[in-house]
Amino acid sequence: MSLDTVVEDIRDEARARAENLREEGQARADEIVAEAEADAEELLEERKREVERKIAQEREQTLSSAKLQAKQKRLEARRDVLEDVYEQVEAELVDLSGDDREELTRELLDAASTEFEDEDEVYVYGRADDETLITEILADYDGYEFVGDRDCIGGVYVEGKNSRVRVNNTFDSVLDSVWEDNLKDVSARLFDQ
């Protein structure tokens, strides 16, 4: 065997080994690329799911916020309507005149007078426009005297000279009391609840 043959055999072996290493390297590179692509695909899918979850969460928050705003607007509108009704009733009480005003004022004074049966002098206040009416009604009560104006829409405010008892039977206080007691029913009737 000649030296040339030995050299050629070594070269063939080196070439075969180099080809083998190149093929192994390429296989490993392909494997790494495939793993990287799979990881990238998995990461992309995870990001998509995360984005979809965030979108769904933001959609839900926006929807909840919109529902809350709508509910607040409804409540504000209802409150406005109730305030209008209250003001309308108040205006009708201010405009109440004649026998109706006298009858209501007399009933309120009668109800208040039960607190002052032991009093010799009782002071009555009322709306300035009702002074004549109240004075006429007080003619039927011994020891009762109209002593001044009260900022109210009608009715009477009564206090005893010697006691600390005061009775607020003004239209305002009666309206407030009736309104509070019946607000739920009024609301139900107005808004069909």
C-alpha atoms as a PDB file:
ATOM      1  CA  MET A   1       0.000   0.000   0.000  1.00  0.00           C
ATOM      2  CA  SER A   2       1.431   3.190  -0.988  1.00  0.00           C
ATOM      3  CA  LEU A   3       1.605   6.407   0.855  1.00  0.00           C
ATOM      4  CA  ASP A   4      -0.768   7.949  -1.625  1.00  0.00           C
ATOM      5  CA  THR A   5      -3.339   5.307  -0.902  1.00  0.00           C
ATOM      6  CA  VAL A   6      -3.016   5.844   2.849  1.00  0.00           C
ATOM      7  CA  VAL A   7      -3.355   9.617   2.410  1.00  0.00           C
ATOM      8  CA  GLU A   8      -6.357   9.085   0.179  1.00  0.00           C
ATOM      9  CA  ASP A   9      -7.955   6.735   2.722  1.00  0.00           C
ATOM     10  CA  ILE A  10      -7.400   9.328   5.512  1.00  0.00           C
ATOM     11  CA  ARG A  11      -8.875  12.029   3.310  1.00  0.00           C
ATOM     12  CA  ASP A  12     -11.894   9.884   2.503  1.00  0.00           C
ATOM     13  CA  GLU A  13     -12.310   9.122   6.164  1.00  0.00           C
ATOM     14  CA  ALA A  14     -11.935  12.832   7.064  1.00  0.00           C
ATOM     15  CA  ARG A  15     -14.431  13.770   4.353  1.00  0.00           C
ATOM     16  CA  ALA A  16     -16.892  11.155   5.599  1.00  0.00           C
ATOM     17  CA  ARG A  17     -16.411  12.343   9.170  1.00  0.00           C
ATOM     18  CA  ALA A  18     -16.816  15.996   8.105  1.00  0.00           C
ATOM     19  CA  GLU A  19     -19.987  15.113   6.187  1.00  0.00           C
ATOM     20  CA  ASN A  20     -21.240  13.219   9.211  1.00  0.00           C
ATOM     21  CA  LEU A  21     -20.530  16.222  11.492  1.00  0.00           C
ATOM     22  CA  ARG A  22     -22.139  18.587   9.010  1.00  0.00           C
ATOM     23  CA  GLU A  23     -25.272  16.384   8.827  1.00  0.00           C
ATOM     24  CA  GLU A  24     -25.392  16.095  12.626  1.00  0.00           C
ATOM     25  CA  GLY A  25     -24.926  19.887  12.916  1.00  0.00           C
ATOM     26  CA  GLN A  26     -27.654  20.499  10.358  1.00  0.00           C
ATOM     27  CA  ALA A  27     -29.985  18.046  12.136  1.00  0.00           C
ATOM     28  CA  ARG A  28     -29.269  19.777  15.449  1.00  0.00           C
ATOM     29  CA  ALA A  29     -29.786  23.199  13.863  1.00  0.00           C
ATOM     30  CA  ASP A  30     -33.073  21.999  12.346  1.00  0.00           C
ATOM     31  CA  GLU A  31     -34.069  20.638  15.752  1.00  0.00           C
ATOM     32  CA  ILE A  32     -33.226  23.979  17.451  1.00  0.00           C
ATOM     33  CA  VAL A  33     -35.126  25.917  14.788  1.00  0.00           C
ATOM     34  CA  ALA A  34     -38.133  23.574  15.152  1.00  0.00           C
ATOM     35  CA  GLU A  35     -38.062  23.991  18.959  1.00  0.00           C
ATOM     36  CA  ALA A  36     -37.736  27.774  18.602  1.00  0.00           C
ATOM     37  CA  GLU A  37     -40.643  27.870  16.131  1.00  0.00           C
ATOM     38  CA  ALA A  38     -42.759  25.710  18.463  1.00  0.00           C
ATOM     39  CA  ASP A  39     -41.873  27.972  21.420  1.00  0.00           C
ATOM     40  CA  ALA A  40     -42.656  31.038  19.316  1.00  0.00           C
ATOM     41  CA  GLU A  41     -45.999  29.551  18.248  1.00  0.00           C
ATOM     42  CA  GLU A  42     -46.860  28.672  21.873  1.00  0.00           C
ATOM     43  CA  LEU A  43     -45.840  32.164  23.006  1.00  0.00           C
ATOM     44  CA  LEU A  44     -47.921  33.713  20.230  1.00  0.00           C
ATOM     45  CA  GLU A  45     -50.966  31.630  21.242  1.00  0.00           C
ATOM     46  CA  GLU A  46     -50.443  32.583  24.905  1.00  0.00           C
ATOM     47  CA  ARG A  47     -50.242  36.272  23.947  1.00  0.00           C
ATOM     48  CA  LYS A  48     -53.397  35.944  21.847  1.00  0.00           C
ATOM     49  CA  ARG A  49     -55.240  34.365  24.795  1.00  0.00           C
ATOM     50  CA  GLU A  50     -53.964  37.118  27.099  1.00  0.00           C
ATOM     51  CA  VAL A  51     -55.056  39.846  24.669  1.00  0.00           C
ATOM     52  CA  GLU A  52     -58.474  38.200  24.241  1.00  0.00           C
ATOM     53  CA  ARG A  53     -58.821  37.942  28.029  1.00  0.00           C
ATOM     54  CA  LYS A  54     -57.910  41.625  28.433  1.00  0.00           C
ATOM     55  CA  ILE A  55     -60.352  42.604  25.696  1.00  0.00           C
ATOM     56  CA  ALA A  56     -63.111  40.578  27.370  1.00  0.00           C
ATOM     57  CA  GLN A  57     -62.245  42.104  30.750  1.00  0.00           C
ATOM     58  CA  GLU A  58     -62.254  45.660  29.333  1.00  0.00           C
ATOM     59  CA  ARG A  59     -65.509  44.941  27.502  1.00  0.00           C
ATOM     60  CA  GLU A  60     -67.056  43.716  30.775  1.00  0.00           C
ATOM     61  CA  GLN A  61     -65.753  46.759  32.665  1.00  0.00           C
ATOM     62  CA  THR A  62     -67.069  49.103  29.983  1.00  0.00           C
ATOM     63  CA  LEU A  63     -70.427  47.352  29.997  1.00  0.00           C
ATOM     64  CA  SER A  64     -70.619  47.476  33.795  1.00  0.00           C
ATOM     65  CA  SER A  65     -69.657  51.137  33.762  1.00  0.00           C
ATOM     66  CA  ALA A  66     -72.284  51.897  31.123  1.00  0.00           C
ATOM     67  CA  LYS A  67     -74.934  50.020  33.120  1.00  0.00           C
ATOM     68  CA  LEU A  68     -73.986  51.939  36.262  1.00  0.00           C
ATOM     69  CA  GLN A  69     -74.130  55.259  34.414  1.00  0.00           C
ATOM     70  CA  ALA A  70     -77.525  54.352  32.958  1.00  0.00           C
ATOM     71  CA  LYS A  71     -78.790  53.396  36.408  1.00  0.00           C
ATOM     72  CA  GLN A  72     -77.503  56.684  37.844  1.00  0.00           C
ATOM     73  CA  LYS A  73     -79.190  58.626  35.035  1.00  0.00           C
ATOM     74  CA  ARG A  74     -82.465  56.768  35.705  1.00  0.00           C
ATOM     75  CA  LEU A  75     -82.195  57.518  39.423  1.00  0.00           C
ATOM     76  CA  GLU A  76     -81.410  61.183  38.720  1.00  0.00           C
ATOM     77  CA  ALA A  77     -84.380  61.422  36.370  1.00  0.00           C
ATOM     78  CA  ARG A  78     -86.646  59.793  38.959  1.00  0.00           C
ATOM     79  CA  ARG A  79     -85.346  62.120  41.661  1.00  0.00           C
ATOM     80  CA  ASP A  80     -86.028  65.094  39.380  1.00  0.00           C
ATOM     81  CA  VAL A  81     -89.571  63.875  38.730  1.00  0.00           C
ATOM     82  CA  LEU A  82     -90.170  63.332  42.444  1.00  0.00           C
ATOM     83  CA  GLU A  83     -88.817  66.819  43.201  1.00  0.00           C
ATOM     84  CA  ASP A  84     -91.170  68.248  40.559  1.00  0.00           C
ATOM     85  CA  VAL A  85     -94.126  66.423  42.111  1.00  0.00           C
ATOM     86  CA  TYR A  86     -93.145  67.647  45.580  1.00  0.00           C
ATOM     87  CA  GLU A  87     -92.819  71.235  44.323  1.00  0.00           C
ATOM     88  CA  GLN A  88     -96.172  70.955  42.549  1.00  0.00           C
ATOM     89  CA  VAL A  89     -97.875  69.751  45.755  1.00  0.00           C
ATOM     90  CA  GLU A  90     -96.141  72.519  47.693  1.00  0.00           C
ATOM     91  CA  ALA A  91     -97.320  75.115  45.148  1.00  0.00           C
ATOM     92  CA  GLU A  92    -100.891  73.795  45.393  1.00  0.00           C
ATOM     93  CA  LEU A  93    -100.720  74.148  49.182  1.00  0.00           C
ATOM     94  CA  VAL A  94     -99.456  77.719  48.834  1.00  0.00           C
ATOM     95  CA  ASP A  95    -102.346  78.477  46.469  1.00  0.00           C
ATOM     96  CA  LEU A  96    -104.918  76.756  48.695  1.00  0.00           C
ATOM     97  CA  SER A  97    -107.544  79.341  49.640  1.00  0.00           C
ATOM     98  CA  GLY A  98    -111.007  79.900  51.011  1.00  0.00           C
ATOM     99  CA  ASP A  99    -112.798  77.187  52.959  1.00  0.00           C
ATOM    100  CA  ASP A 100    -110.184  74.548  52.133  1.00  0.00           C
ATOM    101  CA  ARG A 101    -107.363  76.627  53.648  1.00  0.00           C
ATOM    102  CA  GLU A 102    -109.460  77.512  56.684  1.00  0.00           C
ATOM    103  CA  GLU A 103    -110.508  73.889  57.275  1.00  0.00           C
ATOM    104  CA  LEU A 104    -106.956  72.576  57.005  1.00  0.00           C
ATOM    105  CA  THR A 105    -105.561  75.351  59.234  1.00  0.00           C
ATOM    106  CA  ARG A 106    -108.290  74.734  61.824  1.00  0.00           C
ATOM    107  CA  GLU A 107    -107.573  70.970  61.851  1.00  0.00           C
ATOM    108  CA  LEU A 108    -103.857  71.596  62.358  1.00  0.00           C
ATOM    109  CA  LEU A 109    -104.556  74.043  65.206  1.00  0.00           C
ATOM    110  CA  ASP A 110    -107.018  71.576  66.810  1.00  0.00           C
ATOM    111  CA  ALA A 111    -104.388  68.827  66.663  1.00  0.00           C
ATOM    112  CA  ALA A 112    -101.755  71.110  68.215  1.00  0.00           C
ATOM    113  CA  SER A 113    -104.069  72.417  70.947  1.00  0.00           C
ATOM    114  CA  THR A 114    -104.215  69.021  72.666  1.00  0.00           C
ATOM    115  CA  GLU A 115    -100.626  69.653  73.832  1.00  0.00           C
ATOM    116  CA  PHE A 116    -101.590  72.939  75.538  1.00  0.00           C
ATOM    117  CA  GLU A 117    -104.681  72.074  77.592  1.00  0.00           C
ATOM    118  CA  ASP A 118    -102.956  73.196  80.840  1.00  0.00           C
ATOM    119  CA  GLU A 119    -101.652  76.474  79.393  1.00  0.00           C
ATOM    120  CA  ASP A 120    -103.239  79.883  80.074  1.00  0.00           C
ATOM    121  CA  GLU A 121    -101.437  81.603  77.228  1.00  0.00           C
ATOM    122  CA  VAL A 122    -100.566  79.978  73.945  1.00  0.00           C
ATOM    123  CA  TYR A 123     -98.680  81.687  71.146  1.00  0.00           C
ATOM    124  CA  VAL A 124     -99.466  80.918  67.541  1.00  0.00           C
ATOM    125  CA  TYR A 125     -97.296  81.726  64.542  1.00  0.00           C
ATOM    126  CA  GLY A 126     -98.211  81.356  60.902  1.00  0.00           C
ATOM    127  CA  ARG A 127     -97.653  82.565  57.390  1.00  0.00           C
ATOM    128  CA  ALA A 128     -97.929  86.365  57.087  1.00  0.00           C
ATOM    129  CA  ASP A 129    -100.636  86.026  54.417  1.00  0.00           C
ATOM    130  CA  ASP A 130    -102.667  83.850  56.821  1.00  0.00           C
ATOM    131  CA  GLU A 131    -102.641  86.260  59.789  1.00  0.00           C
ATOM    132  CA  THR A 132    -106.276  87.347  59.305  1.00  0.00           C
ATOM    133  CA  LEU A 133    -107.434  83.752  58.826  1.00  0.00           C
ATOM    134  CA  ILE A 134    -105.539  82.494  61.882  1.00  0.00           C
ATOM    135  CA  THR A 135    -106.738  85.418  64.021  1.00  0.00           C
ATOM    136  CA  GLU A 136    -110.357  84.612  63.060  1.00  0.00           C
ATOM    137  CA  ILE A 137    -109.864  80.933  63.954  1.00  0.00           C
ATOM    138  CA  LEU A 138    -108.176  81.845  67.267  1.00  0.00           C
ATOM    139  CA  ALA A 139    -111.366  83.654  68.344  1.00  0.00           C
ATOM    140  CA  ASP A 140    -112.660  80.145  69.148  1.00  0.00           C
ATOM    141  CA  TYR A 141    -109.687  79.392  71.475  1.00  0.00           C
ATOM    142  CA  ASP A 142    -109.328  80.965  74.943  1.00  0.00           C
ATOM    143  CA  GLY A 143    -105.844  82.228  75.712  1.00  0.00           C
ATOM    144  CA  TYR A 144    -104.524  81.739  72.177  1.00  0.00           C
ATOM    145  CA  GLU A 145    -102.911  84.669  70.417  1.00  0.00           C
ATOM    146  CA  PHE A 146    -101.346  85.201  66.984  1.00  0.00           C
ATOM    147  CA  VAL A 147     -97.905  86.601  67.774  1.00  0.00           C
ATOM    148  CA  GLY A 148     -95.969  86.625  64.556  1.00  0.00           C
ATOM    149  CA  ASP A 149     -95.012  85.410  61.158  1.00  0.00           C
ATOM    150  CA  ARG A 150     -93.375  82.099  60.442  1.00  0.00           C
ATOM    151  CA  ASP A 151     -91.575  81.282  57.198  1.00  0.00           C
ATOM    152  CA  CYS A 152     -93.899  78.555  55.981  1.00  0.00           C
ATOM    153  CA  ILE A 153     -96.466  77.860  53.275  1.00  0.00           C
ATOM    154  CA  GLY A 154     -99.351  77.660  55.735  1.00  0.00           C
ATOM    155  CA  GLY A 155    -100.611  76.022  58.887  1.00  0.00           C
ATOM    156  CA  VAL A 156     -99.557  76.907  62.422  1.00  0.00           C
ATOM    157  CA  TYR A 157     -96.583  76.781  64.753  1.00  0.00           C
ATOM    158  CA  VAL A 158     -97.748  76.747  68.377  1.00  0.00           C
ATOM    159  CA  GLU A 159     -95.922  77.162  71.691  1.00  0.00           C
ATOM    160  CA  GLY A 160     -97.008  77.620  75.284  1.00  0.00           C
ATOM    161  CA  LYS A 161     -95.918  80.663  77.255  1.00  0.00           C
ATOM    162  CA  ASN A 162     -94.932  78.692  80.360  1.00  0.00           C
ATOM    163  CA  SER A 163     -93.823  75.411  78.842  1.00  0.00           C
ATOM    164  CA  ARG A 164     -91.103  74.254  76.554  1.00  0.00           C
ATOM    165  CA  VAL A 165     -93.597  72.483  74.323  1.00  0.00           C
ATOM    166  CA  ARG A 166     -93.655  73.546  70.698  1.00  0.00           C
ATOM    167  CA  VAL A 167     -95.769  71.994  67.978  1.00  0.00           C
ATOM    168  CA  ASN A 168     -94.927  72.503  64.340  1.00  0.00           C
ATOM    169  CA  ASN A 169     -98.139  71.877  62.423  1.00  0.00           C
ATOM    170  CA  THR A 170     -97.237  73.889  59.388  1.00  0.00           C
ATOM    171  CA  PHE A 171     -98.189  72.704  55.929  1.00  0.00           C
ATOM    172  CA  ASP A 172     -94.447  72.309  55.333  1.00  0.00           C
ATOM    173  CA  SER A 173     -93.909  69.907  58.245  1.00  0.00           C
ATOM    174  CA  VAL A 174     -97.049  67.911  57.441  1.00  0.00           C
ATOM    175  CA  LEU A 175     -96.061  67.694  53.770  1.00  0.00           C
ATOM    176  CA  ASP A 176     -92.537  66.564  54.712  1.00  0.00           C
ATOM    177  CA  SER A 177     -93.897  63.911  57.053  1.00  0.00           C
ATOM    178  CA  VAL A 178     -96.490  62.621  54.584  1.00  0.00           C
ATOM    179  CA  TRP A 179     -93.923  62.716  51.782  1.00  0.00           C
ATOM    180  CA  GLU A 180     -91.393  60.643  53.739  1.00  0.00           C
ATOM    181  CA  ASP A 181     -94.043  58.148  54.835  1.00  0.00           C
ATOM    182  CA  ASN A 182     -95.384  57.698  51.304  1.00  0.00           C
ATOM    183  CA  LEU A 183     -92.334  58.269  49.111  1.00  0.00           C
ATOM    184  CA  LYS A 184     -91.990  54.576  48.265  1.00  0.00           C
ATOM    185  CA  ASP A 185     -95.660  54.334  47.209  1.00  0.00           C
ATOM    186  CA  VAL A 186     -95.485  57.584  45.232  1.00  0.00           C
ATOM    187  CA  SER A 187     -92.363  56.362  43.470  1.00  0.00           C
ATOM    188  CA  ALA A 188     -93.982  53.003  42.721  1.00  0.00           C
ATOM    189  CA  ARG A 189     -97.056  54.670  41.228  1.00  0.00           C
ATOM    190  CA  LEU A 190     -95.036  57.108  39.155  1.00  0.00           C
ATOM    191  CA  PHE A 191     -92.575  54.570  37.836  1.00  0.00           C
ATOM    192  CA  ASP A 192     -94.678  51.362  37.740  1.00  0.00           C
ATOM    193  CA  GLN A 193     -92.395  49.369  40.000  1.00  0.00           C
END
